[in-house]
Amino acid sequence: MTQKAIRLVPLGGLGEVGKNMLSVEYGENILIVDAGIMFPENDMLGIDYIIPDFEYLLDKKGKVRGIVVTHGHEDHTGAISHLLEEIQAPIYASALTCGLLEVKLKRRKMHKEADLNVVKAGESIQLGPFGVEFFHVCHSIPDAVGLGITTPAGLIVHSGDYKFDHTPVDGWPTDYGKLAEFAGRGVLALLGDSTNSLEPGWTPSETVIDGALDEVFRQAKGRILIGSFASLISRMAQVGKAAANHGRVLSFVGTSMIENAKMARKLGYLDLPDKLIVPLEKALETKPSKVVLMCTGTQGEPSSILGRLSKGVNRQFNIEHGDTVVLSSHPIPGNEETVHRTINGLFQRGAEVIYDEIAPVHVSGHASQEEIKLLIKLVQPQYLIPIHGELRHLKQHAALARETGIPDEHIAVVENGTVIELRKGKLHVGERIPGGYVFVDGRGVGDIGPKVLRERESLARDGFVAIHIQRHSKSGKLQGQPQIISRGFVFTPDAQELFDQAEQRIRDLLDKEREGALEIHLEKELGKFFYSETRRRPMVFVFITDIK
């Protein structure tokens, strides 16, 4: 019997930071690993977030044996509800990850139909031809796992997001023994996290944050606001410990932060005394020097708590002089501008802002260069496939692998949609399936494309001019004056003169042409006119009404 190939199809996370998703295929069987989201880039106006393009799987949904989720961060879980709308398959994850998924699915009223299955690190499951072993890894969230996937073609190790932290906050280091055991069995391919491949040395331990937080709490005279991801449970624990040590009460702000903290406490991953946690209403009535507020918005998201506070438009409370704001995260690549804008806005409103460039209030949850090389040495794979990162991260991961002795022809640097086949111990890079960004805008999923984004960018840059023309239905002559409305285009003393010239241009054009696609012709000619006069390209809309 001819052995089938293992097909690896990355649907997200390769060539970008975020929306991680992988399809592992053998014959008529598919295993999905993760389904995350990605933050929009600065020029993606109005977009809430981006999900993987999994249209490739829609005609294969009957082959999906299961969905495995490595940990509870949004870039690995955020698209799960969208995936389940199309593909009904059992989900397997650790207890905390399942709890966070349940919170997410409850918001979409999908939790009762979802088949969530809790698997502990150290356990294994069989999904069709895939034997999946879960092993613990350190990350910036408890209960994160990597995967050993045994297939008829060989063993594949998926690192998940990991680092080698010898003093983790939860006291549970990465399972070195399991990694060595995999090496003893023989690893066909390692899929390794590349996020921090540009960072030399070792990623600092999460415990360094304890000292930094203690210093902040000791010096702050007023309220302390800690900005973090809503899924960063380990940071909640550290903030809670610091609050208790300095006689402050802690309040979680924002629905996602509150729900995730509640779930983590229920499952035992967040051990905080009841008297420490208070509702926001009570926190706002408490003496400022006795309060800590933990909220979202470290990536500068406009709708987040910190985003609204930086603009003075938050509903329940505002920044006050004497507040100390701590941003406990690194900016995701592409978010630097919005993060800096948020920091500046908080300063302008009277807060003291502390972020990772001036104090160690955040450490990465991802392996740096020496840890990446150590993982390769521990696992001893035949082939390496860098995952999780922009192309520059994947390329640097490949360079590190070459340093460890893996030959270049045994390293596959690919981007989303590129099919990798492993057959009879050989790796082949195949075709690239069609795909791209799927934008989520309000309730719309996938109905916003590049054309709409280009239009939004044009409107934001140069505004628009709308012109309503009335003409006689028989003679075609202009009736009255054209109505010209402009927004975001010009606001100067010369604007009226410009529009007077535009009106005369309209009259001249109507005298010359009265048939055909007149609106389109007028829009084109007026666009040229406005550009010649202002060197700007507003969107021009012409509406013609024929009257008797």
Protein backbone atom coordinates (compact mmCIF):
# COMPACT_ATOMS: atom_id res chain seq x y z
CA MET A 1 0.00 0.00 0.00
CA THR A 2 1.43 3.37 -1.03
CA GLN A 3 1.94 5.71 1.90
CA LYS A 4 0.01 8.95 1.62
CA ALA A 5 1.68 12.29 2.15
CA ILE A 6 1.16 14.50 5.15
CA ARG A 7 0.02 17.90 3.92
CA LEU A 8 0.58 20.99 6.03
CA VAL A 9 -1.40 24.02 4.89
CA PRO A 10 -0.82 27.21 6.94
CA LEU A 11 -3.97 29.35 6.72
CA GLY A 12 -2.69 32.10 9.00
CA GLY A 13 0.33 33.21 11.03
CA LEU A 14 3.04 32.69 8.40
CA GLY A 15 4.14 36.01 6.92
CA GLU A 16 2.33 37.98 9.64
CA VAL A 17 1.95 38.26 13.40
CA GLY A 18 -1.46 36.90 14.39
CA LYS A 19 -4.45 34.92 13.08
CA ASN A 20 -2.58 31.65 13.54
CA MET A 21 -4.21 28.62 11.92
CA LEU A 22 -2.86 25.39 10.44
CA SER A 23 -4.47 22.51 8.56
CA VAL A 24 -2.76 19.10 8.95
CA GLU A 25 -4.01 16.58 6.38
CA TYR A 26 -3.57 12.86 5.82
CA GLY A 27 -5.74 11.16 3.21
CA GLU A 28 -9.38 11.96 3.94
CA ASN A 29 -8.60 13.36 7.39
CA ILE A 30 -7.90 16.91 8.56
CA LEU A 31 -6.72 18.25 11.92
CA ILE A 32 -7.00 22.00 12.52
CA VAL A 33 -4.57 23.69 14.91
CA ASP A 34 -5.71 27.08 16.30
CA ALA A 35 -8.01 29.70 14.80
CA GLY A 36 -6.87 33.21 15.76
CA ILE A 37 -7.39 36.83 14.82
CA MET A 38 -5.05 39.64 13.85
CA PHE A 39 -5.25 43.35 14.63
CA PRO A 40 -5.89 45.59 11.61
CA GLU A 41 -3.06 47.69 10.24
CA ASN A 42 -3.23 51.49 10.35
CA ASP A 43 -4.57 51.81 6.82
CA MET A 44 -7.41 49.29 7.37
CA LEU A 45 -9.92 51.95 8.36
CA GLY A 46 -13.01 50.77 10.22
CA ILE A 47 -11.89 47.16 10.46
CA ASP A 48 -12.37 45.54 13.89
CA TYR A 49 -10.12 42.54 13.32
CA ILE A 50 -8.99 40.04 10.67
CA ILE A 51 -9.59 36.29 10.60
CA PRO A 52 -7.92 33.56 8.54
CA ASP A 53 -9.29 32.81 5.10
CA PHE A 54 -10.43 29.20 5.58
CA GLU A 55 -12.51 28.95 2.41
CA TYR A 56 -10.05 26.22 1.38
CA LEU A 57 -11.58 23.98 4.06
CA LEU A 58 -15.25 24.56 3.29
CA ASP A 59 -15.58 21.79 0.70
CA LYS A 60 -13.59 19.50 3.02
CA LYS A 61 -15.51 20.15 6.25
CA GLY A 62 -16.62 16.51 6.47
CA LYS A 63 -12.96 15.47 6.72
CA VAL A 64 -12.19 17.59 9.79
CA ARG A 65 -11.65 15.22 12.72
CA GLY A 66 -11.02 17.89 15.32
CA ILE A 67 -9.76 21.36 16.23
CA VAL A 68 -6.86 21.63 18.68
CA VAL A 69 -6.17 24.97 20.38
CA THR A 70 -2.74 25.48 21.93
CA HIS A 71 -3.60 28.31 24.37
CA GLY A 72 -6.07 31.06 25.17
CA HIS A 73 -4.65 34.17 23.46
CA GLU A 74 -6.75 35.94 20.85
CA ASP A 75 -4.26 35.33 18.04
CA HIS A 76 -4.96 31.61 18.51
CA THR A 77 -8.63 31.59 19.62
CA GLY A 78 -10.28 34.77 18.32
CA ALA A 79 -11.71 33.28 15.11
CA ILE A 80 -13.12 30.11 16.70
CA SER A 81 -16.76 31.28 16.53
CA HIS A 82 -16.39 32.15 12.84
CA LEU A 83 -14.84 28.74 12.17
CA LEU A 84 -17.60 26.88 14.03
CA GLU A 85 -20.24 28.68 12.00
CA GLU A 86 -18.87 26.85 8.96
CA ILE A 87 -17.28 23.69 10.32
CA GLN A 88 -18.78 21.65 13.15
CA ALA A 89 -15.97 19.67 14.79
CA PRO A 90 -14.95 18.81 18.36
CA ILE A 91 -12.49 21.18 20.04
CA TYR A 92 -9.67 19.95 22.28
CA ALA A 93 -7.74 22.24 24.61
CA SER A 94 -6.50 22.60 28.18
CA ALA A 95 -8.93 23.54 30.97
CA LEU A 96 -8.17 27.28 31.00
CA THR A 97 -8.18 27.50 27.20
CA CYS A 98 -11.56 25.73 27.08
CA GLY A 99 -12.85 28.13 29.73
CA LEU A 100 -11.76 31.17 27.73
CA LEU A 101 -13.26 29.64 24.56
CA GLU A 102 -16.53 29.13 26.42
CA VAL A 103 -16.57 32.80 27.45
CA LYS A 104 -15.99 33.78 23.83
CA LEU A 105 -18.68 31.45 22.47
CA LYS A 106 -21.22 32.58 25.07
CA ARG A 107 -21.07 36.11 23.63
CA ARG A 108 -22.17 34.64 20.29
CA LYS A 109 -24.68 32.27 21.99
CA MET A 110 -22.81 29.31 20.52
CA HIS A 111 -21.52 27.65 23.68
CA LYS A 112 -24.35 25.10 24.01
CA GLU A 113 -23.71 23.64 20.55
CA ALA A 114 -19.92 23.69 20.79
CA ASP A 115 -18.23 20.37 21.56
CA LEU A 116 -15.50 21.51 23.99
CA ASN A 117 -13.22 18.79 25.36
CA VAL A 118 -10.68 19.38 28.15
CA VAL A 119 -7.31 17.69 27.73
CA LYS A 120 -4.47 17.98 30.27
CA ALA A 121 -0.82 18.44 29.40
CA GLY A 122 0.72 14.99 29.35
CA GLU A 123 -2.41 13.38 27.91
CA SER A 124 -3.00 12.25 24.33
CA ILE A 125 -5.99 11.77 22.05
CA GLN A 126 -6.59 9.95 18.78
CA LEU A 127 -8.32 11.86 15.99
CA GLY A 128 -8.54 9.63 12.94
CA PRO A 129 -4.95 8.85 11.92
CA PHE A 130 -3.58 11.63 14.15
CA GLY A 131 -2.26 10.77 17.59
CA VAL A 132 -2.04 14.12 19.36
CA GLU A 133 0.08 14.45 22.53
CA PHE A 134 -0.22 17.62 24.59
CA PHE A 135 2.90 18.82 26.40
CA HIS A 136 3.19 21.84 28.67
CA VAL A 137 5.07 24.96 27.55
CA CYS A 138 5.74 28.23 29.35
CA HIS A 139 4.09 31.24 27.81
CA SER A 140 2.50 34.45 29.11
CA ILE A 141 -0.73 32.60 29.90
CA PRO A 142 -1.17 29.48 32.05
CA ASP A 143 -2.05 26.09 30.59
CA ALA A 144 -0.34 26.62 27.22
CA VAL A 145 0.65 23.49 25.32
CA GLY A 146 2.68 22.33 22.38
CA LEU A 147 1.70 19.31 20.29
CA GLY A 148 3.30 16.07 19.25
CA ILE A 149 1.30 14.83 16.25
CA THR A 150 2.00 11.23 15.32
CA THR A 151 0.96 10.42 11.75
CA PRO A 152 1.45 7.38 9.50
CA ALA A 153 4.20 9.39 7.77
CA GLY A 154 6.07 10.40 10.91
CA LEU A 155 6.08 12.56 14.05
CA ILE A 156 5.44 16.29 13.76
CA VAL A 157 6.13 18.58 16.72
CA HIS A 158 4.24 21.90 16.93
CA SER A 159 5.84 24.17 19.53
CA GLY A 160 2.85 26.46 20.07
CA ASP A 161 3.87 29.78 21.60
CA TYR A 162 6.62 28.99 24.09
CA LYS A 163 9.66 30.12 26.03
CA PHE A 164 12.08 28.38 28.39
CA ASP A 165 11.31 30.11 31.68
CA HIS A 166 13.02 28.40 34.63
CA THR A 167 11.08 30.49 37.19
CA PRO A 168 7.57 30.83 35.72
CA VAL A 169 4.86 32.62 37.68
CA ASP A 170 2.79 29.44 37.97
CA GLY A 171 5.82 27.30 38.87
CA TRP A 172 5.29 25.00 35.87
CA PRO A 173 8.26 25.00 33.46
CA THR A 174 8.26 23.77 29.87
CA ASP A 175 8.31 19.95 29.62
CA TYR A 176 11.94 19.37 28.60
CA GLY A 177 11.62 15.62 29.19
CA LYS A 178 8.84 15.29 26.61
CA LEU A 179 10.86 17.20 24.03
CA ALA A 180 13.80 14.85 24.58
CA GLU A 181 11.47 11.86 24.34
CA PHE A 182 10.23 13.09 20.96
CA ALA A 183 13.86 13.30 19.80
CA GLY A 184 14.38 9.70 20.89
CA ARG A 185 11.46 8.59 18.74
CA GLY A 186 12.63 10.59 15.74
CA VAL A 187 10.97 13.85 14.72
CA LEU A 188 10.14 14.26 11.05
CA ALA A 189 9.38 17.98 11.26
CA LEU A 190 9.40 20.74 13.87
CA LEU A 191 7.03 23.67 13.46
CA GLY A 192 8.63 26.31 15.68
CA ASP A 193 7.44 29.71 16.93
CA SER A 194 9.42 32.52 15.23
CA THR A 195 7.93 35.60 16.93
CA ASN A 196 11.10 36.56 18.82
CA SER A 197 13.68 35.16 16.40
CA LEU A 198 15.20 38.64 15.98
CA GLU A 199 15.83 38.98 19.74
CA PRO A 200 19.32 37.84 20.88
CA GLY A 201 19.92 35.83 24.00
CA TRP A 202 17.17 34.53 26.29
CA THR A 203 13.74 35.96 27.02
CA PRO A 204 13.63 37.17 30.65
CA SER A 205 11.53 35.30 33.17
CA GLU A 206 8.02 36.51 33.91
CA THR A 207 9.09 37.01 37.53
CA VAL A 208 11.13 40.14 36.68
CA ILE A 209 7.80 41.94 36.37
CA ASP A 210 7.11 41.43 40.10
CA GLY A 211 9.95 43.77 41.05
CA ALA A 212 8.92 46.38 38.48
CA LEU A 213 5.30 46.33 39.66
CA ASP A 214 6.40 46.60 43.27
CA GLU A 215 8.40 49.75 42.41
CA VAL A 216 5.41 51.27 40.58
CA PHE A 217 3.05 50.55 43.47
CA ARG A 218 5.49 51.97 45.99
CA GLN A 219 5.85 55.29 44.14
CA ALA A 220 2.31 55.86 42.85
CA LYS A 221 0.32 58.37 44.93
CA GLY A 222 -3.02 58.05 43.14
CA ARG A 223 -4.89 55.39 41.19
CA ILE A 224 -2.94 52.77 39.26
CA LEU A 225 -4.31 51.61 35.91
CA ILE A 226 -2.73 48.46 34.46
CA GLY A 227 -3.23 47.93 30.72
CA SER A 228 -3.00 44.34 29.51
CA PHE A 229 -4.60 41.81 27.19
CA ALA A 230 -7.84 40.41 28.59
CA SER A 231 -6.46 36.88 28.24
CA LEU A 232 -3.18 37.56 30.09
CA ILE A 233 -4.17 35.64 33.20
CA SER A 234 -0.62 35.47 34.61
CA ARG A 235 -0.45 39.28 34.61
CA MET A 236 -3.75 39.42 36.51
CA ALA A 237 -2.17 37.21 39.18
CA GLN A 238 0.91 39.40 39.44
CA VAL A 239 -1.12 42.62 39.66
CA GLY A 240 -3.37 41.05 42.27
CA LYS A 241 -0.34 40.06 44.36
CA ALA A 242 1.12 43.58 44.13
CA ALA A 243 -2.24 45.15 45.03
CA ALA A 244 -2.57 42.95 48.12
CA ASN A 245 1.01 43.71 49.21
CA HIS A 246 0.40 47.47 49.00
CA GLY A 247 -3.07 47.59 50.55
CA ARG A 248 -5.01 48.36 47.37
CA VAL A 249 -8.21 46.83 46.01
CA LEU A 250 -8.35 45.56 42.43
CA SER A 251 -11.13 46.10 39.90
CA PHE A 252 -11.27 44.56 36.43
CA VAL A 253 -12.63 46.96 33.81
CA GLY A 254 -14.31 45.93 30.56
CA THR A 255 -16.49 42.95 29.72
CA SER A 256 -13.76 40.68 28.34
CA MET A 257 -11.41 41.39 31.26
CA ILE A 258 -14.16 40.75 33.83
CA GLU A 259 -15.41 37.54 32.18
CA ASN A 260 -11.94 36.07 31.68
CA ALA A 261 -10.92 36.85 35.27
CA LYS A 262 -14.12 35.25 36.55
CA MET A 263 -13.51 32.11 34.49
CA ALA A 264 -9.84 31.88 35.56
CA ARG A 265 -10.81 32.22 39.24
CA LYS A 266 -13.53 29.59 38.86
CA LEU A 267 -11.05 27.12 37.36
CA GLY A 268 -8.38 27.86 39.96
CA TYR A 269 -5.88 29.58 37.67
CA LEU A 270 -6.29 32.95 39.38
CA ASP A 271 -6.01 32.61 43.14
CA LEU A 272 -7.10 35.99 44.50
CA PRO A 273 -9.01 36.58 47.76
CA ASP A 274 -12.60 37.77 47.40
CA LYS A 275 -12.01 40.89 49.50
CA LEU A 276 -9.29 42.04 47.07
CA ILE A 277 -11.66 42.19 44.05
CA VAL A 278 -14.27 44.97 43.96
CA PRO A 279 -16.70 46.19 41.28
CA LEU A 280 -15.71 49.27 39.32
CA GLU A 281 -18.44 51.37 40.95
CA LYS A 282 -16.97 50.74 44.39
CA ALA A 283 -13.40 51.27 43.16
CA LEU A 284 -14.33 54.70 41.82
CA GLU A 285 -15.67 55.66 45.25
CA THR A 286 -12.54 54.43 47.06
CA LYS A 287 -9.60 56.66 47.95
CA PRO A 288 -7.37 56.85 44.79
CA SER A 289 -4.26 55.69 46.65
CA LYS A 290 -6.06 52.44 47.52
CA VAL A 291 -7.22 51.46 44.01
CA VAL A 292 -5.90 49.45 41.06
CA LEU A 293 -7.88 49.25 37.81
CA MET A 294 -6.93 46.58 35.27
CA CYS A 295 -8.19 47.18 31.74
CA THR A 296 -7.59 46.55 28.03
CA GLY A 297 -6.08 48.79 25.37
CA THR A 298 -2.31 48.26 25.29
CA GLN A 299 -2.36 48.09 21.47
CA GLY A 300 -4.02 51.49 21.08
CA GLU A 301 -7.38 50.03 19.99
CA PRO A 302 -9.78 53.02 19.72
CA SER A 303 -12.69 51.15 21.32
CA SER A 304 -10.67 49.81 24.27
CA ILE A 305 -10.75 51.29 27.77
CA LEU A 306 -7.28 52.89 27.51
CA GLY A 307 -8.00 54.03 23.95
CA ARG A 308 -11.10 55.89 25.12
CA LEU A 309 -9.37 57.23 28.21
CA SER A 310 -6.57 58.69 26.08
CA LYS A 311 -9.19 60.66 24.14
CA GLY A 312 -11.33 61.62 27.14
CA VAL A 313 -14.39 59.77 25.86
CA ASN A 314 -14.65 56.88 28.32
CA ARG A 315 -18.15 56.60 29.74
CA GLN A 316 -17.66 55.56 33.38
CA PHE A 317 -14.53 57.48 34.38
CA ASN A 318 -11.71 59.62 33.00
CA ILE A 319 -8.00 60.02 33.61
CA GLU A 320 -7.22 62.25 36.58
CA HIS A 321 -4.04 64.10 37.54
CA GLY A 322 -2.06 61.78 39.78
CA ASP A 323 -3.08 58.58 37.95
CA THR A 324 -0.32 56.14 37.00
CA VAL A 325 -0.92 54.06 33.87
CA VAL A 326 1.17 50.94 33.24
CA LEU A 327 1.15 49.42 29.75
CA SER A 328 2.10 45.80 30.36
CA SER A 329 2.66 44.59 26.80
CA HIS A 330 4.86 45.04 23.75
CA PRO A 331 3.32 46.75 20.70
CA ILE A 332 2.43 44.17 18.09
CA PRO A 333 4.35 44.94 14.84
CA GLY A 334 2.32 47.51 12.90
CA ASN A 335 0.63 48.90 16.04
CA GLU A 336 3.50 51.11 17.19
CA GLU A 337 1.95 54.36 15.91
CA THR A 338 -1.41 53.82 17.62
CA VAL A 339 0.27 52.71 20.85
CA HIS A 340 2.44 55.83 20.93
CA ARG A 341 -0.62 57.98 20.19
CA THR A 342 -2.39 56.41 23.17
CA ILE A 343 0.61 57.01 25.44
CA ASN A 344 0.79 60.66 24.37
CA GLY A 345 -2.95 61.11 24.94
CA LEU A 346 -2.70 59.68 28.45
CA PHE A 347 0.20 62.04 29.24
CA GLN A 348 -1.81 64.99 27.93
CA ARG A 349 -4.66 64.15 30.30
CA GLY A 350 -2.41 64.20 33.34
CA ALA A 351 -1.36 60.59 33.85
CA GLU A 352 2.11 59.27 34.51
CA VAL A 353 2.62 56.53 31.91
CA ILE A 354 5.03 53.63 32.37
CA TYR A 355 5.73 51.26 29.49
CA ASP A 356 8.28 48.61 28.63
CA GLU A 357 10.76 51.01 27.03
CA ILE A 358 11.34 52.76 30.36
CA ALA A 359 10.68 49.99 32.92
CA PRO A 360 10.48 46.16 32.82
CA VAL A 361 6.69 46.07 33.24
CA HIS A 362 6.32 43.46 30.50
CA VAL A 363 8.33 40.53 29.21
CA SER A 364 7.61 38.55 26.11
CA GLY A 365 6.09 35.10 26.25
CA HIS A 366 8.07 33.99 23.20
CA ALA A 367 11.44 32.29 22.85
CA SER A 368 14.44 34.41 21.88
CA GLN A 369 17.34 33.22 19.74
CA GLU A 370 19.12 31.00 22.27
CA GLU A 371 15.86 29.31 23.27
CA ILE A 372 14.96 28.71 19.62
CA LYS A 373 18.32 27.02 19.09
CA LEU A 374 17.88 24.99 22.28
CA LEU A 375 14.47 23.72 21.11
CA ILE A 376 15.96 22.60 17.82
CA LYS A 377 18.76 20.79 19.65
CA LEU A 378 16.32 19.15 22.08
CA VAL A 379 13.93 17.94 19.38
CA GLN A 380 16.53 17.15 16.66
CA PRO A 381 14.07 17.35 13.77
CA GLN A 382 14.81 16.16 10.27
CA TYR A 383 13.03 19.22 8.86
CA LEU A 384 12.26 22.66 10.29
CA ILE A 385 9.29 24.80 9.33
CA PRO A 386 9.33 28.27 10.99
CA ILE A 387 5.82 29.44 11.97
CA HIS A 388 4.24 32.43 13.74
CA GLY A 389 5.81 35.59 12.39
CA GLU A 390 6.39 37.98 9.55
CA LEU A 391 8.67 36.86 6.74
CA ARG A 392 11.65 38.56 8.43
CA HIS A 393 11.02 36.49 11.57
CA LEU A 394 10.70 33.25 9.59
CA LYS A 395 13.91 33.97 7.68
CA GLN A 396 15.84 34.68 10.88
CA HIS A 397 14.52 31.47 12.42
CA ALA A 398 15.87 29.64 9.37
CA ALA A 399 19.27 31.29 9.87
CA LEU A 400 19.33 30.14 13.50
CA ALA A 401 18.48 26.60 12.39
CA ARG A 402 21.41 26.60 9.98
CA GLU A 403 23.66 27.59 12.89
CA THR A 404 22.51 24.47 14.74
CA GLY A 405 23.47 22.27 11.79
CA ILE A 406 20.21 21.81 9.93
CA PRO A 407 20.99 21.96 6.20
CA ASP A 408 19.30 24.67 4.16
CA GLU A 409 17.42 22.15 2.01
CA HIS A 410 15.77 20.79 5.18
CA ILE A 411 14.27 24.18 6.10
CA ALA A 412 11.00 25.38 4.55
CA VAL A 413 10.27 29.10 4.87
CA VAL A 414 6.80 29.61 3.45
CA GLU A 415 3.88 32.03 3.75
CA ASN A 416 0.17 31.49 4.24
CA GLY A 417 -1.46 29.13 1.76
CA THR A 418 1.73 27.37 0.68
CA VAL A 419 1.26 23.61 0.79
CA ILE A 420 4.05 21.55 2.37
CA GLU A 421 4.04 17.80 1.71
CA LEU A 422 6.00 15.23 3.73
CA ARG A 423 6.19 11.83 2.04
CA LYS A 424 8.59 8.95 2.70
CA GLY A 425 10.80 11.19 4.81
CA LYS A 426 11.09 13.86 2.11
CA LEU A 427 9.77 17.43 2.19
CA HIS A 428 8.27 19.10 -0.85
CA VAL A 429 7.00 22.68 -1.08
CA GLY A 430 3.95 22.66 -3.35
CA GLU A 431 1.46 25.10 -4.78
CA ARG A 432 -0.01 28.08 -2.98
CA ILE A 433 -3.77 28.01 -2.51
CA PRO A 434 -5.76 31.22 -3.06
CA GLY A 435 -6.49 33.21 0.07
CA GLY A 436 -6.07 36.50 1.82
CA TYR A 437 -7.42 38.66 4.61
CA VAL A 438 -11.02 38.22 5.76
CA PHE A 439 -12.06 41.49 7.40
CA VAL A 440 -14.57 41.70 10.24
CA ASP A 441 -16.32 45.05 10.31
CA GLY A 442 -19.14 45.24 12.84
CA ARG A 443 -21.43 42.34 12.02
CA GLY A 444 -20.02 41.97 8.53
CA VAL A 445 -17.58 39.12 7.94
CA GLY A 446 -15.74 39.01 4.63
CA ASP A 447 -17.98 41.57 2.93
CA ILE A 448 -15.28 44.25 3.06
CA GLY A 449 -12.55 43.88 0.45
CA PRO A 450 -9.50 45.80 -0.75
CA LYS A 451 -11.65 48.03 -2.98
CA VAL A 452 -13.72 49.25 -0.02
CA LEU A 453 -10.57 49.83 2.04
CA ARG A 454 -9.07 51.86 -0.80
CA GLU A 455 -12.25 53.94 -0.93
CA ARG A 456 -12.13 54.51 2.83
CA GLU A 457 -8.49 55.54 2.60
CA SER A 458 -9.30 57.96 -0.20
CA LEU A 459 -12.20 59.46 1.77
CA ALA A 460 -10.01 59.82 4.86
CA ARG A 461 -7.20 61.45 2.88
CA ASP A 462 -9.04 63.82 0.51
CA GLY A 463 -12.73 63.81 1.48
CA PHE A 464 -15.60 63.92 -1.02
CA VAL A 465 -17.67 66.29 -3.12
CA ALA A 466 -21.33 65.45 -3.84
CA ILE A 467 -23.11 67.34 -6.62
CA HIS A 468 -26.85 67.27 -7.31
CA ILE A 469 -27.96 68.54 -10.74
CA GLN A 470 -31.52 69.15 -11.92
CA ARG A 471 -32.12 69.35 -15.66
CA HIS A 472 -35.12 69.52 -17.96
CA SER A 473 -36.07 66.03 -19.12
CA LYS A 474 -36.70 67.09 -22.73
CA SER A 475 -34.23 69.89 -23.43
CA GLY A 476 -31.50 68.60 -21.10
CA LYS A 477 -30.88 72.15 -19.90
CA LEU A 478 -29.74 72.86 -16.38
CA GLN A 479 -32.54 73.93 -14.04
CA GLY A 480 -31.41 76.24 -11.26
CA GLN A 481 -27.96 75.95 -9.70
CA PRO A 482 -26.09 72.71 -9.00
CA GLN A 483 -26.06 71.83 -5.31
CA ILE A 484 -22.49 71.16 -4.18
CA ILE A 485 -21.78 69.56 -0.80
CA SER A 486 -18.23 68.88 0.40
CA ARG A 487 -16.84 67.10 3.46
CA GLY A 488 -13.17 66.67 4.34
CA PHE A 489 -11.98 68.37 1.14
CA VAL A 490 -11.50 72.12 1.48
CA PHE A 491 -12.28 74.67 4.16
CA THR A 492 -10.64 77.91 3.15
CA PRO A 493 -11.75 81.42 2.13
CA ASP A 494 -11.15 80.31 -1.48
CA ALA A 495 -13.54 77.34 -1.24
CA GLN A 496 -16.56 79.23 -2.56
CA GLU A 497 -14.54 80.52 -5.50
CA LEU A 498 -13.45 76.96 -6.25
CA PHE A 499 -17.03 75.69 -6.21
CA ASP A 500 -18.17 78.63 -8.36
CA GLN A 501 -15.60 77.55 -10.93
CA ALA A 502 -16.80 73.95 -10.59
CA GLU A 503 -20.37 75.10 -11.25
CA GLN A 504 -19.30 76.87 -14.42
CA ARG A 505 -17.40 73.74 -15.45
CA ILE A 506 -20.60 71.72 -14.97
CA ARG A 507 -22.55 74.16 -17.18
CA ASP A 508 -19.91 73.94 -19.92
CA LEU A 509 -19.91 70.13 -19.80
CA LEU A 510 -23.72 69.93 -19.91
CA ASP A 511 -23.79 72.19 -22.98
CA LYS A 512 -21.42 69.82 -24.78
CA GLU A 513 -22.79 66.44 -23.70
CA ARG A 514 -26.34 65.45 -22.81
CA GLU A 515 -26.45 61.72 -23.59
CA GLY A 516 -24.72 58.57 -22.39
CA ALA A 517 -23.31 57.90 -18.93
CA LEU A 518 -23.35 61.56 -18.07
CA GLU A 519 -22.86 61.15 -14.30
CA ILE A 520 -19.70 59.09 -14.80
CA HIS A 521 -18.34 61.57 -17.35
CA LEU A 522 -19.01 64.51 -15.04
CA GLU A 523 -17.40 62.74 -12.07
CA LYS A 524 -14.29 62.06 -14.11
CA GLU A 525 -13.97 65.59 -15.50
CA LEU A 526 -14.69 67.28 -12.16
CA GLY A 527 -12.15 65.00 -10.50
CA LYS A 528 -9.54 66.26 -12.98
CA PHE A 529 -10.63 69.85 -12.34
CA PHE A 530 -10.35 69.60 -8.54
CA TYR A 531 -6.93 67.95 -8.84
CA SER A 532 -5.65 70.66 -11.20
CA GLU A 533 -6.76 73.35 -8.77
CA THR A 534 -5.85 71.75 -5.41
CA ARG A 535 -3.54 68.79 -6.13
CA ARG A 536 -5.99 66.68 -4.14
CA ARG A 537 -8.27 63.87 -5.30
CA PRO A 538 -11.60 63.97 -3.47
CA MET A 539 -14.15 61.30 -4.34
CA VAL A 540 -16.70 63.00 -6.61
CA PHE A 541 -20.33 61.87 -6.74
CA VAL A 542 -22.75 63.34 -9.29
CA PHE A 543 -26.51 62.80 -9.11
CA ILE A 544 -28.77 64.00 -11.94
CA THR A 545 -32.54 64.42 -11.56
CA ASP A 546 -34.66 64.96 -14.66
CA ILE A 547 -37.69 67.17 -14.13
CA LYS A 548 -40.56 68.05 -16.44
